[in-house]
Protein backbone atom coordinates (compact mmCIF):
# COMPACT_ATOMS: atom_id res chain seq x y z
CA MET A 1 61.99 109.99 125.07
CA THR A 2 60.85 109.13 121.02
CA ILE A 3 62.21 109.40 117.95
CA SER A 4 59.86 112.47 117.09
CA ASP A 5 61.71 114.56 119.94
CA LEU A 6 64.98 114.56 118.14
CA ILE A 7 66.44 116.75 115.44
CA PHE A 8 69.99 114.95 113.91
CA ILE A 9 72.75 117.02 112.57
CA GLY A 10 75.89 115.99 110.70
CA LEU A 11 79.04 118.36 111.25
CA PRO A 12 82.26 117.28 110.28
CA LYS A 13 83.48 114.16 112.45
CA THR A 14 80.38 114.35 114.66
CA ILE A 15 76.86 113.39 114.39
CA ALA A 16 74.69 114.62 116.88
CA ALA A 17 70.99 114.20 118.01
CA ILE A 18 69.36 117.27 119.40
CA HIS A 19 66.14 117.60 121.39
CA ARG A 20 63.50 119.43 119.11
CA ASP A 21 61.56 121.38 122.04
CA THR A 22 64.75 122.67 124.17
CA GLY A 23 68.22 122.75 122.05
CA GLN A 24 69.99 120.11 124.12
CA THR A 25 72.14 117.84 122.97
CA VAL A 26 71.24 114.34 123.52
CA TRP A 27 73.91 112.71 122.20
CA THR A 28 76.91 112.88 119.58
CA GLN A 29 78.44 109.95 118.01
CA SER A 30 82.38 110.53 116.65
CA LEU A 31 82.94 109.27 113.20
CA LYS A 32 84.74 109.90 109.97
CA ARG A 33 86.05 113.38 109.09
CA GLY A 34 83.86 114.93 105.89
CA TYR A 35 80.51 115.90 105.14
CA ALA A 36 77.46 113.64 106.60
CA THR A 37 74.99 112.41 104.36
CA LEU A 38 71.74 111.56 106.83
CA LEU A 39 68.39 109.25 106.51
CA LEU A 40 66.22 108.73 109.55
CA ASP A 41 64.83 105.29 108.53
CA GLY A 42 62.34 104.03 110.67
CA ASP A 43 64.04 102.74 113.63
CA ARG A 44 67.75 103.42 112.28
CA LEU A 45 69.63 106.66 111.52
CA ILE A 46 72.21 105.97 108.40
CA VAL A 47 75.21 107.89 108.00
CA SER A 48 77.13 107.85 105.08
CA ILE A 49 80.49 110.03 104.78
CA ASN A 50 83.48 109.93 102.41
CA GLY A 51 81.94 106.32 101.01
CA TYR A 52 81.52 104.98 104.65
CA VAL A 53 78.20 104.19 105.60
CA TRP A 54 76.95 103.47 109.72
CA CYS A 55 74.01 102.54 111.33
CA LEU A 56 72.97 104.03 114.27
CA ASN A 57 69.74 104.06 116.87
CA PRO A 58 68.51 107.34 116.91
CA LEU A 59 67.91 107.26 120.31
CA THR A 60 71.07 106.65 122.06
CA GLY A 61 73.91 107.09 119.37
CA GLU A 62 75.06 103.44 119.49
CA LEU A 63 76.67 102.23 116.52
CA LEU A 64 74.96 99.16 115.51
CA TRP A 65 77.00 98.12 111.90
CA HIS A 66 79.15 99.81 109.52
CA ASN A 67 80.30 99.09 106.21
CA PRO A 68 83.25 100.55 104.35
CA LEU A 69 81.59 99.91 101.03
CA THR A 70 85.12 99.15 99.69
CA GLY A 71 85.95 100.26 95.97
CA MET A 72 82.51 101.91 95.85
CA GLY A 73 83.84 105.68 95.59
CA MET A 74 83.87 108.62 97.68
CA GLY A 75 82.45 111.88 98.42
CA VAL A 76 78.56 112.93 99.28
CA ALA A 77 75.77 110.04 98.67
CA SER A 78 72.35 109.76 98.53
CA ILE A 79 70.36 107.68 100.84
CA THR A 80 66.70 106.87 100.43
CA SER A 81 64.87 104.16 101.63
CA VAL A 82 61.26 102.96 102.03
CA ARG A 83 60.67 103.50 105.88
CA GLY A 84 63.14 107.05 105.19
CA GLY A 85 60.50 109.56 106.79
CA LYS A 86 58.58 107.54 109.00
CA SER A 87 58.65 107.31 112.51
CA SER A 88 58.91 103.82 114.30
CA ASP A 89 55.37 104.70 116.03
CA ASP A 90 54.41 104.99 112.41
CA LEU A 91 55.93 101.87 111.28
CA LEU A 92 54.21 99.89 114.38
CA LEU A 93 51.01 101.52 113.12
CA GLU A 94 50.87 100.38 109.86
CA SER A 95 52.14 96.96 111.27
CA ALA A 96 49.41 97.10 113.30
CA GLN A 97 46.95 97.99 110.51
CA SER A 98 48.02 95.28 107.83
CA ALA A 99 47.60 92.62 110.78
CA ASP A 100 43.87 93.70 111.43
CA ASP A 101 43.10 93.97 107.31
CA SER A 102 44.69 89.94 107.14
CA ALA A 103 42.42 88.97 109.76
CA ALA A 104 39.67 90.41 108.66
CA ASN A 105 40.01 89.80 105.09
CA SER A 106 40.92 85.75 106.67
CA ALA A 107 37.83 86.45 108.43
CA HIS A 108 35.56 87.22 105.18
CA HIS A 109 36.77 84.58 103.11
CA GLY A 110 36.90 81.96 105.39
CA SER A 111 32.73 82.76 105.89
CA THR A 112 32.20 82.37 102.57
CA HIS A 113 33.70 79.25 101.56
CA GLY A 114 30.81 77.01 102.35
CA THR A 115 28.07 79.44 100.59
């Protein structure tokens, strides 16, 4: 199963991953009560509820880290990221393309230095 097979749902007190083709619940994670804001950040699922932030593994629901953002406020958060909306497959492809481009540029520049 890949991240692109899943749909993420934020409910009061629970985050769930649902298989997009079958509707089957893949995992659930119980968190703080309140409205959840979700961001799929490549290979991380970022969840914000009432001023708290959690990072989950989107394939398993495993808690990777938690930040209470102490003193920064409560309520619904806006979340954004450079990786947001990209799957881990997209990020791996971009990384490979960047490495190929760097290698090609190095080879090209290396061959012009003595001419």
